């Protein structure tokens, strides 16, 4: 069984496809819970219905599943502070 810190390390290199930051750094991966051989990732998106939500979830699931762990997730919307941080990082790291 991996620890929470080990799973965070496992997904630390998963980058946003259009912003030069990891999903963790951007706050899109808000938190995760590890229980036995299962990982639940809590995603926070800047607004509802983002078009690449499924792709972002899948990009995080791949390294987790490849380690033989079950992947679960929840989706939430960023609060004002999280969204402000995200928007600043988006502007600074936009690669298109």
C-alpha atoms as a PDB file:
ATOM      1  CA  UNK A   1       0.000   0.000   0.000  1.00  0.00           C
ATOM      2  CA  UNK A   2       1.279   3.448  -0.897  1.00  0.00           C
ATOM      3  CA  UNK A   3       1.082   6.426   1.419  1.00  0.00           C
ATOM      4  CA  UNK A   4      -0.652   9.673   0.539  1.00  0.00           C
ATOM      5  CA  UNK A   5       2.755  11.323   0.049  1.00  0.00           C
ATOM      6  CA  UNK A   6       3.883   8.526  -2.292  1.00  0.00           C
ATOM      7  CA  UNK A   7       0.760   8.926  -4.428  1.00  0.00           C
ATOM      8  CA  UNK A   8       1.245  12.692  -4.573  1.00  0.00           C
ATOM      9  CA  UNK A   9       4.812  12.026  -5.737  1.00  0.00           C
ATOM     10  CA  UNK A  10       3.529   9.522  -8.308  1.00  0.00           C
ATOM     11  CA  UNK A  11       1.235  12.114  -9.907  1.00  0.00           C
ATOM     12  CA  UNK A  12       3.477  15.151  -9.380  1.00  0.00           C
ATOM     13  CA  UNK A  13       4.661  15.166 -12.989  1.00  0.00           C
ATOM     14  CA  UNK A  14       1.207  15.127 -14.575  1.00  0.00           C
ATOM     15  CA  UNK A  15       1.087  18.420 -16.433  1.00  0.00           C
ATOM     16  CA  UNK A  16      -1.830  20.467 -17.691  1.00  0.00           C
ATOM     17  CA  UNK A  17      -1.896  20.157 -21.495  1.00  0.00           C
ATOM     18  CA  UNK A  18      -2.054  23.924 -22.118  1.00  0.00           C
ATOM     19  CA  UNK A  19      -0.463  25.425 -18.996  1.00  0.00           C
ATOM     20  CA  UNK A  20       3.146  24.809 -18.059  1.00  0.00           C
ATOM     21  CA  UNK A  21       2.331  23.637 -14.525  1.00  0.00           C
ATOM     22  CA  UNK A  22       1.350  20.324 -12.972  1.00  0.00           C
ATOM     23  CA  UNK A  23      -2.277  19.684 -12.082  1.00  0.00           C
ATOM     24  CA  UNK A  24      -1.237  19.593  -8.427  1.00  0.00           C
ATOM     25  CA  UNK A  25       0.572  22.957  -8.630  1.00  0.00           C
ATOM     26  CA  UNK A  26      -2.474  24.516 -10.331  1.00  0.00           C
ATOM     27  CA  UNK A  27      -4.727  23.292  -7.536  1.00  0.00           C
ATOM     28  CA  UNK A  28      -6.759  21.105  -9.888  1.00  0.00           C
ATOM     29  CA  UNK A  29      -5.713  18.126  -7.787  1.00  0.00           C
ATOM     30  CA  UNK A  30      -6.854  19.526  -4.470  1.00  0.00           C
ATOM     31  CA  UNK A  31      -6.327  16.469  -2.293  1.00  0.00           C
ATOM     32  CA  UNK A  32      -6.401  12.686  -2.238  1.00  0.00           C
ATOM     33  CA  UNK A  33      -7.239   9.892   0.130  1.00  0.00           C
ATOM     34  CA  UNK A  34      -5.539   6.507   0.210  1.00  0.00           C
ATOM     35  CA  UNK A  35      -7.368   3.506   1.646  1.00  0.00           C
ATOM     36  CA  UNK A  36      -5.685   0.113   1.340  1.00  0.00           C
ATOM     37  CA  UNK A  37      -5.233  -0.278  -2.425  1.00  0.00           C
ATOM     38  CA  UNK A  38      -7.641   2.495  -3.441  1.00  0.00           C
ATOM     39  CA  UNK A  39      -6.956   6.158  -4.178  1.00  0.00           C
ATOM     40  CA  UNK A  40      -9.655   8.807  -4.271  1.00  0.00           C
ATOM     41  CA  UNK A  41      -8.548  12.052  -5.899  1.00  0.00           C
ATOM     42  CA  UNK A  42     -10.415  15.278  -5.189  1.00  0.00           C
ATOM     43  CA  UNK A  43     -10.339  17.533  -8.224  1.00  0.00           C
ATOM     44  CA  UNK A  44     -11.173  21.244  -8.098  1.00  0.00           C
ATOM     45  CA  UNK A  45     -11.946  22.930 -11.398  1.00  0.00           C
ATOM     46  CA  UNK A  46     -12.122  26.704 -11.838  1.00  0.00           C
ATOM     47  CA  UNK A  47     -15.685  26.507 -13.171  1.00  0.00           C
ATOM     48  CA  UNK A  48     -18.275  23.818 -13.960  1.00  0.00           C
ATOM     49  CA  UNK A  49     -18.294  22.006 -17.277  1.00  0.00           C
ATOM     50  CA  UNK A  50     -14.720  22.591 -18.405  1.00  0.00           C
ATOM     51  CA  UNK A  51     -14.278  20.853 -21.763  1.00  0.00           C
ATOM     52  CA  UNK A  52     -11.104  18.954 -20.847  1.00  0.00           C
ATOM     53  CA  UNK A  53     -12.264  17.689 -17.440  1.00  0.00           C
ATOM     54  CA  UNK A  54     -12.352  14.034 -18.574  1.00  0.00           C
ATOM     55  CA  UNK A  55      -8.873  14.287 -20.084  1.00  0.00           C
ATOM     56  CA  UNK A  56      -7.474  15.785 -16.877  1.00  0.00           C
ATOM     57  CA  UNK A  57      -9.089  13.086 -14.737  1.00  0.00           C
ATOM     58  CA  UNK A  58      -7.764  10.379 -17.077  1.00  0.00           C
ATOM     59  CA  UNK A  59      -4.246  11.826 -17.014  1.00  0.00           C
ATOM     60  CA  UNK A  60      -4.197  11.514 -13.209  1.00  0.00           C
ATOM     61  CA  UNK A  61      -5.773   8.054 -13.203  1.00  0.00           C
ATOM     62  CA  UNK A  62      -3.131   6.494 -15.481  1.00  0.00           C
ATOM     63  CA  UNK A  63      -0.139   6.524 -13.099  1.00  0.00           C
ATOM     64  CA  UNK A  64      -2.359   5.422 -10.205  1.00  0.00           C
ATOM     65  CA  UNK A  65      -3.907   2.507 -12.091  1.00  0.00           C
ATOM     66  CA  UNK A  66      -0.514   1.532 -13.532  1.00  0.00           C
ATOM     67  CA  UNK A  67       0.618   0.937  -9.924  1.00  0.00           C
ATOM     68  CA  UNK A  68      -2.245  -1.527  -9.479  1.00  0.00           C
ATOM     69  CA  UNK A  69      -4.406   0.756  -7.360  1.00  0.00           C
ATOM     70  CA  UNK A  70      -8.109   1.395  -7.769  1.00  0.00           C
ATOM     71  CA  UNK A  71      -8.870   4.965  -8.882  1.00  0.00           C
ATOM     72  CA  UNK A  72     -11.857   6.942  -7.655  1.00  0.00           C
ATOM     73  CA  UNK A  73     -12.513  10.639  -7.845  1.00  0.00           C
ATOM     74  CA  UNK A  74     -14.717  13.529  -6.803  1.00  0.00           C
ATOM     75  CA  UNK A  75     -15.083  16.832  -8.593  1.00  0.00           C
ATOM     76  CA  UNK A  76     -15.530  20.155  -6.866  1.00  0.00           C
ATOM     77  CA  UNK A  77     -15.385  23.785  -7.960  1.00  0.00           C
ATOM     78  CA  UNK A  78     -12.554  26.036  -6.806  1.00  0.00           C
ATOM     79  CA  UNK A  79     -13.305  28.659  -4.206  1.00  0.00           C
ATOM     80  CA  UNK A  80     -12.454  32.303  -4.948  1.00  0.00           C
ATOM     81  CA  UNK A  81      -8.936  32.095  -3.511  1.00  0.00           C
ATOM     82  CA  UNK A  82      -8.130  28.882  -5.395  1.00  0.00           C
ATOM     83  CA  UNK A  83      -9.539  30.296  -8.637  1.00  0.00           C
ATOM     84  CA  UNK A  84      -7.517  33.525  -8.299  1.00  0.00           C
ATOM     85  CA  UNK A  85      -4.317  31.507  -7.825  1.00  0.00           C
ATOM     86  CA  UNK A  86      -5.211  29.280 -10.785  1.00  0.00           C
ATOM     87  CA  UNK A  87      -5.925  32.255 -13.071  1.00  0.00           C
ATOM     88  CA  UNK A  88      -2.596  33.916 -12.219  1.00  0.00           C
ATOM     89  CA  UNK A  89      -0.721  30.681 -12.881  1.00  0.00           C
ATOM     90  CA  UNK A  90      -2.669  30.143 -16.106  1.00  0.00           C
ATOM     91  CA  UNK A  91      -1.645  33.570 -17.390  1.00  0.00           C
ATOM     92  CA  UNK A  92       1.994  33.009 -16.419  1.00  0.00           C
ATOM     93  CA  UNK A  93       2.242  29.468 -17.776  1.00  0.00           C
ATOM     94  CA  UNK A  94      -0.015  29.452 -20.840  1.00  0.00           C
ATOM     95  CA  UNK A  95       1.531  27.523 -23.722  1.00  0.00           C
ATOM     96  CA  UNK A  96      -1.666  26.922 -25.701  1.00  0.00           C
END
